[in-house]
Amino acid sequence: QMQLVESGGGLVQAGGSLRLSCAASGRTINYYFMGWFRQAPGKEREFVAAIRWTDSTYYTNSVEGRFTISKDNAKNMLYLQMNSLKPEDTAVYYCAARQGDPGAELRTRVLSYPYWGQGTQVTVSS
C-alpha cells in the first residue's frame, strides 16, 4: 500500500504562484506513475498532470506552460509548481499514484489510479 499526503495549498492572487507537495510512504515512487488531479466545487475530478518513472511528463491543455510536475525519488516526493495562476485553477488538488503507465487514453482517468491523497485546497482570487 502507498500512502499520499498533499501540502502547500493556500490562497493566492491571480498571476501568483504556489508549489504543491505530495509525500509518499509505504512504497518508493521510483517505479510508479504519479499524477495530480483537481476538483472544483460542483465539478468532476479532472486530470492536471502526470509523470512517468522515466521523467516523461504529461499535462492537460489548460495548464500546459504554466504548471510543472516533478519528483524527487530520494525524498519520495512529488511536486506541482503552479505559475500564472488563474481564478479557474481554484480547486482541491489531489496527488495520485499507480503502478505502470496506463497509456495515453487511461492516464487522465480517475479510475486508473488506486492510490490517492486527501487533497489540498488552492484558491485563486481575481
N, C-alpha and C. Protein backbone atom coordinates (compact mmCIF):
# COMPACT_ATOMS: atom_id res chain seq x y z
N GLN A 1 0.83 -1.20 0.00
CA GLN A 1 0.00 0.00 0.00
C GLN A 1 0.86 1.24 0.00
N MET A 2 0.39 2.24 -0.69
CA MET A 2 1.08 3.52 -0.71
C MET A 2 0.18 4.56 -0.09
N GLN A 3 0.75 5.39 0.80
CA GLN A 3 0.03 6.50 1.38
C GLN A 3 0.56 7.79 0.80
N LEU A 4 -0.36 8.73 0.53
CA LEU A 4 0.00 10.01 -0.08
C LEU A 4 -0.58 11.14 0.74
N VAL A 5 0.23 12.16 1.01
CA VAL A 5 -0.22 13.32 1.77
C VAL A 5 0.21 14.59 1.06
N GLU A 6 -0.79 15.39 0.65
CA GLU A 6 -0.51 16.64 -0.04
C GLU A 6 -0.34 17.79 0.94
N SER A 7 0.39 18.81 0.51
CA SER A 7 0.53 20.05 1.27
C SER A 7 0.89 21.17 0.30
N GLY A 8 0.82 22.40 0.80
CA GLY A 8 1.25 23.53 0.00
C GLY A 8 0.14 24.37 -0.59
N GLY A 9 -1.11 23.95 -0.40
CA GLY A 9 -2.21 24.74 -0.91
C GLY A 9 -2.38 26.04 -0.13
N GLY A 10 -3.24 26.91 -0.64
CA GLY A 10 -3.49 28.17 0.05
C GLY A 10 -4.23 29.14 -0.83
N LEU A 11 -4.26 30.39 -0.38
CA LEU A 11 -4.93 31.47 -1.10
C LEU A 11 -3.87 32.34 -1.78
N VAL A 12 -4.07 32.59 -3.07
CA VAL A 12 -3.11 33.37 -3.83
C VAL A 12 -3.88 34.25 -4.82
N GLN A 13 -3.30 35.39 -5.15
CA GLN A 13 -3.93 36.27 -6.13
C GLN A 13 -3.65 35.77 -7.54
N ALA A 14 -4.52 36.11 -8.44
CA ALA A 14 -4.32 35.75 -9.84
C ALA A 14 -2.97 36.25 -10.32
N GLY A 15 -2.28 35.41 -11.06
CA GLY A 15 -0.93 35.73 -11.52
C GLY A 15 0.16 35.24 -10.60
N GLY A 16 -0.22 34.81 -9.42
CA GLY A 16 0.75 34.33 -8.45
C GLY A 16 1.14 32.88 -8.65
N SER A 17 1.93 32.36 -7.72
CA SER A 17 2.47 31.01 -7.82
C SER A 17 2.28 30.25 -6.51
N LEU A 18 2.19 28.94 -6.63
CA LEU A 18 2.18 28.03 -5.49
C LEU A 18 2.92 26.77 -5.89
N ARG A 19 3.51 26.11 -4.91
CA ARG A 19 4.09 24.79 -5.16
C ARG A 19 3.44 23.78 -4.24
N LEU A 20 2.80 22.81 -4.82
CA LEU A 20 2.20 21.73 -4.07
C LEU A 20 3.21 20.60 -3.90
N SER A 21 3.13 19.95 -2.75
CA SER A 21 3.98 18.80 -2.48
C SER A 21 3.12 17.60 -2.13
N CYS A 22 3.63 16.43 -2.43
CA CYS A 22 2.95 15.18 -2.09
C CYS A 22 3.99 14.24 -1.53
N ALA A 23 3.84 13.90 -0.25
CA ALA A 23 4.76 12.98 0.40
C ALA A 23 4.21 11.57 0.31
N ALA A 24 5.02 10.67 -0.23
CA ALA A 24 4.61 9.28 -0.38
C ALA A 24 5.28 8.43 0.69
N SER A 25 4.57 7.42 1.17
CA SER A 25 5.13 6.47 2.13
C SER A 25 4.55 5.10 1.85
N GLY A 26 5.23 4.09 2.36
CA GLY A 26 4.77 2.73 2.17
C GLY A 26 5.34 2.06 0.94
N ARG A 27 5.63 2.83 -0.06
CA ARG A 27 6.25 2.34 -1.30
C ARG A 27 7.15 3.45 -1.83
N THR A 28 8.20 3.07 -2.54
CA THR A 28 9.02 4.06 -3.21
C THR A 28 8.36 4.45 -4.53
N ILE A 29 8.45 5.75 -4.85
CA ILE A 29 7.78 6.23 -6.06
C ILE A 29 8.60 5.99 -7.32
N ASN A 30 9.80 5.45 -7.15
CA ASN A 30 10.73 5.32 -8.28
C ASN A 30 10.08 4.69 -9.51
N TYR A 31 9.26 3.66 -9.31
CA TYR A 31 8.71 2.94 -10.45
C TYR A 31 7.20 3.09 -10.54
N TYR A 32 6.68 4.16 -9.94
CA TYR A 32 5.26 4.43 -10.01
C TYR A 32 4.97 5.54 -11.01
N PHE A 33 3.77 5.54 -11.55
CA PHE A 33 3.26 6.59 -12.40
C PHE A 33 2.47 7.51 -11.49
N MET A 34 2.91 8.77 -11.38
CA MET A 34 2.35 9.70 -10.41
C MET A 34 1.58 10.81 -11.11
N GLY A 35 0.49 11.23 -10.50
CA GLY A 35 -0.31 12.28 -11.13
C GLY A 35 -0.89 13.28 -10.15
N TRP A 36 -1.31 14.40 -10.70
CA TRP A 36 -2.08 15.41 -9.97
C TRP A 36 -3.44 15.56 -10.65
N PHE A 37 -4.47 15.60 -9.84
CA PHE A 37 -5.83 15.86 -10.29
C PHE A 37 -6.37 17.04 -9.48
N ARG A 38 -7.47 17.60 -9.94
CA ARG A 38 -8.12 18.66 -9.17
C ARG A 38 -9.63 18.55 -9.31
N GLN A 39 -10.33 19.07 -8.29
CA GLN A 39 -11.78 19.05 -8.31
C GLN A 39 -12.31 20.37 -7.80
N ALA A 40 -12.98 21.10 -8.68
CA ALA A 40 -13.61 22.36 -8.32
C ALA A 40 -15.02 22.08 -7.79
N PRO A 41 -15.57 23.00 -7.01
CA PRO A 41 -16.92 22.79 -6.46
C PRO A 41 -17.94 22.52 -7.55
N GLY A 42 -18.71 21.46 -7.38
CA GLY A 42 -19.76 21.13 -8.33
C GLY A 42 -19.28 20.50 -9.62
N LYS A 43 -17.99 20.21 -9.71
CA LYS A 43 -17.44 19.62 -10.93
C LYS A 43 -16.79 18.28 -10.63
N GLU A 44 -16.57 17.51 -11.69
CA GLU A 44 -15.91 16.23 -11.53
C GLU A 44 -14.40 16.44 -11.35
N ARG A 45 -13.79 15.45 -10.73
CA ARG A 45 -12.34 15.48 -10.58
C ARG A 45 -11.70 15.35 -11.98
N GLU A 46 -10.69 16.19 -12.25
CA GLU A 46 -10.09 16.19 -13.57
C GLU A 46 -8.57 16.07 -13.49
N PHE A 47 -8.01 15.51 -14.54
CA PHE A 47 -6.58 15.32 -14.65
C PHE A 47 -5.88 16.66 -14.84
N VAL A 48 -4.74 16.83 -14.17
CA VAL A 48 -3.93 18.04 -14.32
C VAL A 48 -2.59 17.71 -14.97
N ALA A 49 -1.86 16.77 -14.36
CA ALA A 49 -0.52 16.46 -14.86
C ALA A 49 -0.11 15.09 -14.34
N ALA A 50 0.87 14.48 -15.02
CA ALA A 50 1.39 13.20 -14.57
C ALA A 50 2.86 13.09 -14.97
N ILE A 51 3.55 12.21 -14.26
CA ILE A 51 4.97 11.99 -14.55
C ILE A 51 5.28 10.52 -14.45
N ARG A 52 6.02 10.04 -15.45
CA ARG A 52 6.39 8.65 -15.52
C ARG A 52 7.72 8.45 -14.79
N TRP A 53 8.05 7.20 -14.46
CA TRP A 53 9.30 6.93 -13.76
C TRP A 53 10.50 7.30 -14.61
N THR A 54 10.29 7.45 -15.92
CA THR A 54 11.35 7.89 -16.83
C THR A 54 11.46 9.41 -16.85
N ASP A 55 10.60 10.09 -16.08
CA ASP A 55 10.51 11.55 -16.02
C ASP A 55 9.79 12.16 -17.22
N SER A 56 9.20 11.35 -18.07
CA SER A 56 8.30 11.90 -19.09
C SER A 56 7.10 12.53 -18.39
N THR A 57 6.67 13.69 -18.89
CA THR A 57 5.58 14.41 -18.25
C THR A 57 4.41 14.62 -19.20
N TYR A 58 3.24 14.77 -18.61
CA TYR A 58 2.00 14.91 -19.37
C TYR A 58 1.15 15.97 -18.68
N TYR A 59 0.51 16.85 -19.47
CA TYR A 59 -0.28 17.93 -18.91
C TYR A 59 -1.61 18.07 -19.64
N THR A 60 -2.63 18.51 -18.91
CA THR A 60 -3.84 18.89 -19.58
C THR A 60 -3.60 20.24 -20.26
N ASN A 61 -4.33 20.49 -21.33
CA ASN A 61 -4.07 21.68 -22.14
C ASN A 61 -4.14 22.98 -21.35
N SER A 62 -5.06 23.07 -20.41
CA SER A 62 -5.30 24.33 -19.71
C SER A 62 -4.16 24.75 -18.79
N VAL A 63 -3.26 23.83 -18.45
CA VAL A 63 -2.14 24.18 -17.55
C VAL A 63 -0.79 24.10 -18.24
N GLU A 64 -0.77 23.61 -19.49
CA GLU A 64 0.48 23.49 -20.23
C GLU A 64 1.18 24.85 -20.29
N GLY A 65 2.46 24.85 -19.92
CA GLY A 65 3.24 26.09 -19.94
C GLY A 65 3.17 26.90 -18.66
N ARG A 66 2.22 26.56 -17.80
CA ARG A 66 2.08 27.28 -16.51
C ARG A 66 2.44 26.39 -15.33
N PHE A 67 2.12 25.11 -15.42
CA PHE A 67 2.38 24.18 -14.32
C PHE A 67 3.53 23.25 -14.72
N THR A 68 4.29 22.82 -13.69
CA THR A 68 5.36 21.87 -13.91
C THR A 68 5.30 20.78 -12.85
N ILE A 69 5.21 19.54 -13.30
CA ILE A 69 5.23 18.40 -12.39
C ILE A 69 6.65 17.87 -12.30
N SER A 70 7.05 17.50 -11.09
CA SER A 70 8.39 16.95 -10.90
C SER A 70 8.37 16.02 -9.70
N LYS A 71 9.45 15.26 -9.52
CA LYS A 71 9.53 14.36 -8.37
C LYS A 71 10.96 14.25 -7.91
N ASP A 72 11.11 13.89 -6.65
CA ASP A 72 12.41 13.66 -6.04
C ASP A 72 12.37 12.24 -5.49
N ASN A 73 12.97 11.32 -6.21
CA ASN A 73 12.91 9.91 -5.80
C ASN A 73 13.59 9.70 -4.45
N ALA A 74 14.68 10.41 -4.20
CA ALA A 74 15.41 10.23 -2.94
C ALA A 74 14.56 10.62 -1.74
N LYS A 75 13.70 11.62 -1.92
CA LYS A 75 12.84 12.09 -0.83
C LYS A 75 11.45 11.47 -0.89
N ASN A 76 11.20 10.69 -1.94
CA ASN A 76 9.87 10.10 -2.15
C ASN A 76 8.78 11.17 -2.21
N MET A 77 9.06 12.23 -2.95
CA MET A 77 8.17 13.38 -3.03
C MET A 77 7.77 13.68 -4.46
N LEU A 78 6.54 14.14 -4.62
CA LEU A 78 6.01 14.61 -5.90
C LEU A 78 5.66 16.08 -5.72
N TYR A 79 5.88 16.88 -6.77
CA TYR A 79 5.62 18.32 -6.69
C TYR A 79 4.79 18.79 -7.88
N LEU A 80 4.12 19.91 -7.67
CA LEU A 80 3.44 20.60 -8.76
C LEU A 80 3.70 22.09 -8.58
N GLN A 81 4.55 22.64 -9.42
CA GLN A 81 4.81 24.08 -9.42
C GLN A 81 3.77 24.75 -10.31
N MET A 82 3.02 25.67 -9.72
CA MET A 82 1.93 26.32 -10.44
C MET A 82 2.23 27.81 -10.54
N ASN A 83 2.41 28.29 -11.75
CA ASN A 83 2.69 29.70 -12.01
C ASN A 83 1.54 30.32 -12.80
N SER A 84 1.51 31.64 -12.82
CA SER A 84 0.48 32.38 -13.56
C SER A 84 -0.90 31.84 -13.25
N LEU A 85 -1.17 31.69 -11.98
CA LEU A 85 -2.44 31.09 -11.56
C LEU A 85 -3.62 31.97 -11.96
N LYS A 86 -4.72 31.30 -12.27
CA LYS A 86 -5.96 31.95 -12.68
C LYS A 86 -7.08 31.56 -11.73
N PRO A 87 -8.12 32.38 -11.61
CA PRO A 87 -9.25 32.00 -10.74
C PRO A 87 -9.83 30.63 -11.09
N GLU A 88 -9.81 30.26 -12.36
CA GLU A 88 -10.35 28.96 -12.75
C GLU A 88 -9.47 27.79 -12.32
N ASP A 89 -8.30 28.06 -11.75
CA ASP A 89 -7.47 27.00 -11.19
C ASP A 89 -7.90 26.64 -9.76
N THR A 90 -8.83 27.39 -9.20
CA THR A 90 -9.32 27.14 -7.86
C THR A 90 -9.95 25.76 -7.77
N ALA A 91 -9.46 24.94 -6.83
CA ALA A 91 -9.94 23.57 -6.70
C ALA A 91 -9.21 22.91 -5.54
N VAL A 92 -9.68 21.73 -5.17
CA VAL A 92 -8.92 20.86 -4.30
C VAL A 92 -8.02 20.02 -5.20
N TYR A 93 -6.73 20.02 -4.89
CA TYR A 93 -5.74 19.30 -5.70
C TYR A 93 -5.36 18.00 -5.00
N TYR A 94 -5.38 16.91 -5.77
CA TYR A 94 -5.11 15.58 -5.25
C TYR A 94 -3.89 14.97 -5.94
N CYS A 95 -3.10 14.30 -5.15
CA CYS A 95 -1.98 13.50 -5.63
C CYS A 95 -2.49 12.07 -5.83
N ALA A 96 -2.03 11.41 -6.89
CA ALA A 96 -2.46 10.06 -7.17
C ALA A 96 -1.29 9.23 -7.69
N ALA A 97 -1.40 7.91 -7.55
CA ALA A 97 -0.32 7.03 -7.98
C ALA A 97 -0.86 5.69 -8.45
N ARG A 98 -0.10 5.08 -9.34
CA ARG A 98 -0.42 3.74 -9.81
C ARG A 98 0.87 3.07 -10.26
N GLN A 99 0.84 1.77 -10.33
CA GLN A 99 1.97 1.02 -10.87
C GLN A 99 1.77 0.90 -12.37
N GLY A 100 2.81 1.17 -13.12
CA GLY A 100 2.74 1.05 -14.56
C GLY A 100 2.07 2.22 -15.23
N ASP A 101 2.44 2.44 -16.48
CA ASP A 101 1.84 3.51 -17.28
C ASP A 101 0.57 2.96 -17.93
N PRO A 102 -0.58 3.56 -17.64
CA PRO A 102 -1.83 3.03 -18.19
C PRO A 102 -2.04 3.37 -19.66
N GLY A 103 -1.16 4.20 -20.23
CA GLY A 103 -1.30 4.57 -21.62
C GLY A 103 -2.04 5.88 -21.79
N ALA A 104 -1.96 6.43 -22.98
CA ALA A 104 -2.45 7.78 -23.25
C ALA A 104 -3.92 7.96 -22.93
N GLU A 105 -4.75 6.97 -23.24
CA GLU A 105 -6.18 7.15 -23.03
C GLU A 105 -6.58 7.04 -21.56
N LEU A 106 -5.85 6.25 -20.78
CA LEU A 106 -6.27 5.96 -19.42
C LEU A 106 -5.53 6.79 -18.37
N ARG A 107 -4.42 7.44 -18.72
CA ARG A 107 -3.66 8.12 -17.68
C ARG A 107 -4.38 9.37 -17.18
N THR A 108 -5.39 9.84 -17.88
CA THR A 108 -6.15 11.00 -17.40
C THR A 108 -7.40 10.60 -16.63
N ARG A 109 -7.64 9.32 -16.47
CA ARG A 109 -8.86 8.83 -15.84
C ARG A 109 -8.66 8.62 -14.34
N VAL A 110 -9.61 9.08 -13.55
CA VAL A 110 -9.56 8.93 -12.10
C VAL A 110 -9.47 7.45 -11.72
N LEU A 111 -10.23 6.61 -12.38
CA LEU A 111 -10.29 5.20 -12.03
C LEU A 111 -9.01 4.45 -12.34
N SER A 112 -8.09 5.06 -13.06
CA SER A 112 -6.82 4.41 -13.37
C SER A 112 -5.85 4.43 -12.20
N TYR A 113 -6.17 5.20 -11.16
CA TYR A 113 -5.24 5.39 -10.04
C TYR A 113 -5.84 4.82 -8.76
N PRO A 114 -5.21 3.80 -8.17
CA PRO A 114 -5.73 3.21 -6.94
C PRO A 114 -5.33 3.96 -5.66
N TYR A 115 -4.29 4.79 -5.73
CA TYR A 115 -3.79 5.46 -4.53
C TYR A 115 -4.02 6.96 -4.64
N TRP A 116 -4.59 7.53 -3.56
CA TRP A 116 -4.95 8.95 -3.54
C TRP A 116 -4.61 9.58 -2.21
N GLY A 117 -4.27 10.86 -2.26
CA GLY A 117 -4.13 11.64 -1.05
C GLY A 117 -5.47 12.25 -0.65
N GLN A 118 -5.45 13.03 0.42
CA GLN A 118 -6.69 13.61 0.94
C GLN A 118 -7.02 14.95 0.29
N GLY A 119 -6.06 15.53 -0.43
CA GLY A 119 -6.29 16.78 -1.15
C GLY A 119 -5.82 18.01 -0.39
N THR A 120 -5.51 19.06 -1.14
CA THR A 120 -5.14 20.35 -0.56
C THR A 120 -5.83 21.44 -1.36
N GLN A 121 -6.41 22.41 -0.65
CA GLN A 121 -7.21 23.45 -1.29
C GLN A 121 -6.33 24.54 -1.89
N VAL A 122 -6.61 24.88 -3.13
CA VAL A 122 -5.96 26.01 -3.79
C VAL A 122 -7.06 27.00 -4.19
N THR A 123 -6.93 28.23 -3.73
CA THR A 123 -7.90 29.26 -4.06
C THR A 123 -7.17 30.43 -4.70
N VAL A 124 -7.62 30.80 -5.90
CA VAL A 124 -7.01 31.90 -6.63
C VAL A 124 -8.02 33.03 -6.72
N SER A 125 -7.69 34.16 -6.13
CA SER A 125 -8.61 35.30 -6.14
C SER A 125 -8.32 36.21 -7.33
N SER A 126 -9.38 36.83 -7.83
CA SER A 126 -9.22 37.70 -9.00
C SER A 126 -8.90 39.14 -8.61
